[in-house]
Amino acid sequence: MPEEVTIRSARPGELPELSTLLDLLFEIEQDFKPDTARQVAGLKLMLDSPLAELLVAELGGRPVGLCGLQLLVSTAQGAYSCHVEDLVLAPECRGRGIGRLLLEAAAEWAHRRGATRMQLNCDDKNLPAMKFYESLGWRKTHLFNYFKLDF
C-alpha cells in the first residue's frame, strides 16, 4: 500500500528543513540564489503573517513539498487574490499528484479567505512546471513581464 500524503500547515521548528526545499526551487530559477538565512527569515515572515500560509506536503513523516501563499488586494477583482509565492517538491516526489494536492489545498485556503483569483509566477525556462499548471486549468496571462527593484 502506498504511503499517504498529508497536507498541513508548516510548523515553526521545521523552517530550516523547509528552506532546503526552496534550495531546489532556486537552483532552477534564473533570478534567485539559495541563501538559507534569508529563506528561513522569509518563511518565518509568512508563518507569522495572518495574510499568508505555508502548506507542507508530508510523506513518510518528512516534508516533501512546500506551497507558500499570500493574500493581496486586487483592485481588478474588488477582493483578495492569492499569490502562490513558492511551490516546490522533492525530485523523487514529482509526478505523483502531490503538487496537485498542494494547489487544491491552496485554492481551498484562499477561497475560505475571500480570494476570487489565484496567480503565480513561473521561470520562463521551467517548461515542466508550465505544462503542470496548464494541466490543472491554470492559464497564462498577457501580463508576462515581471520587473523587480531590490533595496
C-alpha atoms as a PDB file:
ATOM      1  CA  MET A   1       0.000   0.000   0.000  1.00  0.00           C
ATOM      2  CA  PRO A   2       1.489   3.411  -0.972  1.00  0.00           C
ATOM      3  CA  GLU A   3       2.200   5.912   1.753  1.00  0.00           C
ATOM      4  CA  GLU A   4      -0.435   8.560   2.298  1.00  0.00           C
ATOM      5  CA  VAL A   5       0.405  12.203   1.717  1.00  0.00           C
ATOM      6  CA  THR A   6      -0.674  14.678   4.375  1.00  0.00           C
ATOM      7  CA  ILE A   7      -1.157  18.363   3.530  1.00  0.00           C
ATOM      8  CA  ARG A   8      -0.819  20.564   6.602  1.00  0.00           C
ATOM      9  CA  SER A   9       0.350  23.958   7.801  1.00  0.00           C
ATOM     10  CA  ALA A  10       4.061  24.418   8.430  1.00  0.00           C
ATOM     11  CA  ARG A  11       5.439  24.347  11.961  1.00  0.00           C
ATOM     12  CA  PRO A  12       7.963  26.885  13.287  1.00  0.00           C
ATOM     13  CA  GLY A  13      10.582  24.289  14.169  1.00  0.00           C
ATOM     14  CA  GLU A  14      10.821  22.918  10.628  1.00  0.00           C
ATOM     15  CA  LEU A  15      11.640  26.146   8.778  1.00  0.00           C
ATOM     16  CA  PRO A  16      15.331  25.243   8.253  1.00  0.00           C
ATOM     17  CA  GLU A  17      14.277  21.909   6.742  1.00  0.00           C
ATOM     18  CA  LEU A  18      11.719  23.636   4.525  1.00  0.00           C
ATOM     19  CA  SER A  19      14.392  26.044   3.321  1.00  0.00           C
ATOM     20  CA  THR A  20      16.195  23.060   1.765  1.00  0.00           C
ATOM     21  CA  LEU A  21      13.140  22.587  -0.463  1.00  0.00           C
ATOM     22  CA  LEU A  22      13.476  26.222  -1.505  1.00  0.00           C
ATOM     23  CA  ASP A  23      17.095  25.495  -2.442  1.00  0.00           C
ATOM     24  CA  LEU A  24      15.753  23.065  -5.062  1.00  0.00           C
ATOM     25  CA  LEU A  25      13.455  25.728  -6.452  1.00  0.00           C
ATOM     26  CA  PHE A  26      16.069  28.464  -6.512  1.00  0.00           C
ATOM     27  CA  GLU A  27      18.540  26.204  -8.310  1.00  0.00           C
ATOM     28  CA  ILE A  28      16.268  26.209 -11.374  1.00  0.00           C
ATOM     29  CA  GLU A  29      15.147  29.832 -11.210  1.00  0.00           C
ATOM     30  CA  GLN A  30      17.347  32.293 -13.031  1.00  0.00           C
ATOM     31  CA  ASP A  31      16.786  35.279 -10.741  1.00  0.00           C
ATOM     32  CA  PHE A  32      17.311  33.747  -7.294  1.00  0.00           C
ATOM     33  CA  LYS A  33      20.154  32.048  -5.467  1.00  0.00           C
ATOM     34  CA  PRO A  34      19.852  29.772  -2.416  1.00  0.00           C
ATOM     35  CA  ASP A  35      20.527  31.609   0.862  1.00  0.00           C
ATOM     36  CA  THR A  36      19.404  29.641   3.909  1.00  0.00           C
ATOM     37  CA  ALA A  37      19.324  32.573   6.350  1.00  0.00           C
ATOM     38  CA  ARG A  38      17.163  34.684   4.032  1.00  0.00           C
ATOM     39  CA  GLN A  39      14.924  31.766   3.148  1.00  0.00           C
ATOM     40  CA  VAL A  40      14.295  30.896   6.798  1.00  0.00           C
ATOM     41  CA  ALA A  41      13.603  34.581   7.550  1.00  0.00           C
ATOM     42  CA  GLY A  42      11.130  34.749   4.658  1.00  0.00           C
ATOM     43  CA  LEU A  43       9.390  31.547   5.728  1.00  0.00           C
ATOM     44  CA  LYS A  44       9.106  32.904   9.291  1.00  0.00           C
ATOM     45  CA  LEU A  45       7.557  36.137   7.992  1.00  0.00           C
ATOM     46  CA  MET A  46       4.998  34.107   6.084  1.00  0.00           C
ATOM     47  CA  LEU A  47       4.326  31.823   9.048  1.00  0.00           C
ATOM     48  CA  ASP A  48       3.733  34.855  11.292  1.00  0.00           C
ATOM     49  CA  SER A  49       1.519  36.748   8.827  1.00  0.00           C
ATOM     50  CA  PRO A  50      -2.274  36.491   9.048  1.00  0.00           C
ATOM     51  CA  LEU A  51      -2.353  37.062   5.270  1.00  0.00           C
ATOM     52  CA  ALA A  52      -0.049  34.175   4.403  1.00  0.00           C
ATOM     53  CA  GLU A  53       0.120  30.414   4.704  1.00  0.00           C
ATOM     54  CA  LEU A  54       2.800  27.777   4.307  1.00  0.00           C
ATOM     55  CA  LEU A  55       1.380  24.421   3.273  1.00  0.00           C
ATOM     56  CA  VAL A  56       3.552  21.354   3.633  1.00  0.00           C
ATOM     57  CA  ALA A  57       3.160  18.011   1.893  1.00  0.00           C
ATOM     58  CA  GLU A  58       4.337  15.320   4.281  1.00  0.00           C
ATOM     59  CA  LEU A  59       5.140  11.773   3.208  1.00  0.00           C
ATOM     60  CA  GLY A  60       6.591   9.140   5.498  1.00  0.00           C
ATOM     61  CA  GLY A  61       6.878  11.674   8.311  1.00  0.00           C
ATOM     62  CA  ARG A  62       9.018  14.144   6.368  1.00  0.00           C
ATOM     63  CA  PRO A  63       8.238  17.307   4.398  1.00  0.00           C
ATOM     64  CA  VAL A  64       8.491  16.610   0.656  1.00  0.00           C
ATOM     65  CA  GLY A  65       6.656  19.651  -0.680  1.00  0.00           C
ATOM     66  CA  LEU A  66       6.016  23.283   0.126  1.00  0.00           C
ATOM     67  CA  CYS A  67       3.491  25.818  -1.109  1.00  0.00           C
ATOM     68  CA  GLY A  68       3.717  29.397   0.152  1.00  0.00           C
ATOM     69  CA  LEU A  69       0.646  31.621  -0.232  1.00  0.00           C
ATOM     70  CA  GLN A  70      -0.047  35.321   0.281  1.00  0.00           C
ATOM     71  CA  LEU A  71      -3.286  37.261   0.084  1.00  0.00           C
ATOM     72  CA  LEU A  72      -3.119  40.508  -1.869  1.00  0.00           C
ATOM     73  CA  VAL A  73      -5.794  43.092  -2.613  1.00  0.00           C
ATOM     74  CA  SER A  74      -6.889  43.056  -6.249  1.00  0.00           C
ATOM     75  CA  THR A  75      -8.480  46.278  -7.396  1.00  0.00           C
ATOM     76  CA  ALA A  76      -9.448  44.488 -10.631  1.00  0.00           C
ATOM     77  CA  GLN A  77     -11.356  41.863  -8.642  1.00  0.00           C
ATOM     78  CA  GLY A  78     -12.511  44.130  -5.819  1.00  0.00           C
ATOM     79  CA  ALA A  79     -11.443  41.356  -3.485  1.00  0.00           C
ATOM     80  CA  TYR A  80      -8.435  39.425  -2.315  1.00  0.00           C
ATOM     81  CA  SER A  81      -6.354  37.462  -4.756  1.00  0.00           C
ATOM     82  CA  CYS A  82      -3.938  34.779  -3.659  1.00  0.00           C
ATOM     83  CA  HIS A  83      -0.362  34.740  -4.877  1.00  0.00           C
ATOM     84  CA  VAL A  84       1.463  31.417  -4.860  1.00  0.00           C
ATOM     85  CA  GLU A  85       4.895  32.558  -3.721  1.00  0.00           C
ATOM     86  CA  ASP A  86       6.615  29.181  -3.914  1.00  0.00           C
ATOM     87  CA  LEU A  87       5.654  25.689  -4.979  1.00  0.00           C
ATOM     88  CA  VAL A  88       8.310  23.008  -4.818  1.00  0.00           C
ATOM     89  CA  LEU A  89       8.508  19.246  -4.414  1.00  0.00           C
ATOM     90  CA  ALA A  90      11.416  16.951  -3.672  1.00  0.00           C
ATOM     91  CA  PRO A  91      12.531  15.491  -7.029  1.00  0.00           C
ATOM     92  CA  GLU A  92      11.606  11.920  -6.077  1.00  0.00           C
ATOM     93  CA  CYS A  93       8.029  13.051  -5.356  1.00  0.00           C
ATOM     94  CA  ARG A  94       7.299  14.802  -8.635  1.00  0.00           C
ATOM     95  CA  GLY A  95       4.742  13.278 -10.947  1.00  0.00           C
ATOM     96  CA  ARG A  96       2.865  11.568  -8.097  1.00  0.00           C
ATOM     97  CA  GLY A  97      -0.019  14.043  -7.713  1.00  0.00           C
ATOM     98  CA  ILE A  98       1.429  15.785  -4.655  1.00  0.00           C
ATOM     99  CA  GLY A  99       1.758  19.152  -6.370  1.00  0.00           C
ATOM    100  CA  ARG A 100      -1.885  18.928  -7.403  1.00  0.00           C
ATOM    101  CA  LEU A 101      -2.862  18.184  -3.788  1.00  0.00           C
ATOM    102  CA  LEU A 102      -0.891  21.199  -2.570  1.00  0.00           C
ATOM    103  CA  LEU A 103      -2.539  23.519  -5.109  1.00  0.00           C
ATOM    104  CA  GLU A 104      -6.000  22.141  -4.286  1.00  0.00           C
ATOM    105  CA  ALA A 105      -5.371  22.827  -0.588  1.00  0.00           C
ATOM    106  CA  ALA A 106      -4.034  26.269  -1.530  1.00  0.00           C
ATOM    107  CA  ALA A 107      -7.181  27.070  -3.508  1.00  0.00           C
ATOM    108  CA  GLU A 108      -9.346  25.956  -0.596  1.00  0.00           C
ATOM    109  CA  TRP A 109      -7.348  28.140   1.832  1.00  0.00           C
ATOM    110  CA  ALA A 110      -7.610  31.160  -0.495  1.00  0.00           C
ATOM    111  CA  HIS A 111     -11.310  30.680  -1.195  1.00  0.00           C
ATOM    112  CA  ARG A 112     -12.120  30.424   2.542  1.00  0.00           C
ATOM    113  CA  ARG A 113     -10.459  33.820   2.991  1.00  0.00           C
ATOM    114  CA  GLY A 114     -12.436  35.531   0.250  1.00  0.00           C
ATOM    115  CA  ALA A 115      -9.944  35.364  -2.606  1.00  0.00           C
ATOM    116  CA  THR A 116     -11.542  35.309  -6.033  1.00  0.00           C
ATOM    117  CA  ARG A 117      -8.392  34.541  -8.016  1.00  0.00           C
ATOM    118  CA  MET A 118      -5.022  32.871  -7.632  1.00  0.00           C
ATOM    119  CA  GLN A 119      -1.875  33.679  -9.553  1.00  0.00           C
ATOM    120  CA  LEU A 120       1.721  32.580  -9.653  1.00  0.00           C
ATOM    121  CA  ASN A 121       4.961  33.370 -11.437  1.00  0.00           C
ATOM    122  CA  CYS A 122       6.991  30.718 -13.170  1.00  0.00           C
ATOM    123  CA  ASP A 123      10.504  30.895 -14.550  1.00  0.00           C
ATOM    124  CA  ASP A 124      10.152  31.083 -18.331  1.00  0.00           C
ATOM    125  CA  LYS A 125      12.626  28.213 -18.744  1.00  0.00           C
ATOM    126  CA  ASN A 126      10.708  25.873 -16.406  1.00  0.00           C
ATOM    127  CA  LEU A 127       8.682  24.142 -19.112  1.00  0.00           C
ATOM    128  CA  PRO A 128       7.671  21.137 -16.963  1.00  0.00           C
ATOM    129  CA  ALA A 129       6.135  23.481 -14.385  1.00  0.00           C
ATOM    130  CA  MET A 130       4.260  25.446 -17.047  1.00  0.00           C
ATOM    131  CA  LYS A 131       2.879  22.222 -18.501  1.00  0.00           C
ATOM    132  CA  PHE A 132       1.866  21.096 -14.999  1.00  0.00           C
ATOM    133  CA  TYR A 133      -0.001  24.340 -14.231  1.00  0.00           C
ATOM    134  CA  GLU A 134      -1.797  24.270 -17.572  1.00  0.00           C
ATOM    135  CA  SER A 135      -2.831  20.636 -16.970  1.00  0.00           C
ATOM    136  CA  LEU A 136      -4.605  21.832 -13.813  1.00  0.00           C
ATOM    137  CA  GLY A 137      -6.522  24.554 -15.642  1.00  0.00           C
ATOM    138  CA  TRP A 138      -4.207  27.484 -14.932  1.00  0.00           C
ATOM    139  CA  ARG A 139      -3.703  29.714 -17.937  1.00  0.00           C
ATOM    140  CA  LYS A 140      -1.035  32.144 -18.993  1.00  0.00           C
ATOM    141  CA  THR A 141      -1.990  35.785 -18.878  1.00  0.00           C
ATOM    142  CA  HIS A 142      -0.931  38.703 -21.019  1.00  0.00           C
ATOM    143  CA  LEU A 143       0.917  40.105 -18.003  1.00  0.00           C
ATOM    144  CA  PHE A 144       4.096  38.232 -18.719  1.00  0.00           C
ATOM    145  CA  ASN A 145       6.769  40.828 -17.965  1.00  0.00           C
ATOM    146  CA  TYR A 146       7.872  40.777 -14.365  1.00  0.00           C
ATOM    147  CA  PHE A 147      10.028  43.586 -13.005  1.00  0.00           C
ATOM    148  CA  LYS A 148      11.693  43.932  -9.630  1.00  0.00           C
ATOM    149  CA  LEU A 149      13.516  46.617  -7.676  1.00  0.00           C
ATOM    150  CA  ASP A 150      15.824  45.415  -4.925  1.00  0.00           C
ATOM    151  CA  PHE A 151      16.515  47.610  -1.882  1.00  0.00           C
END
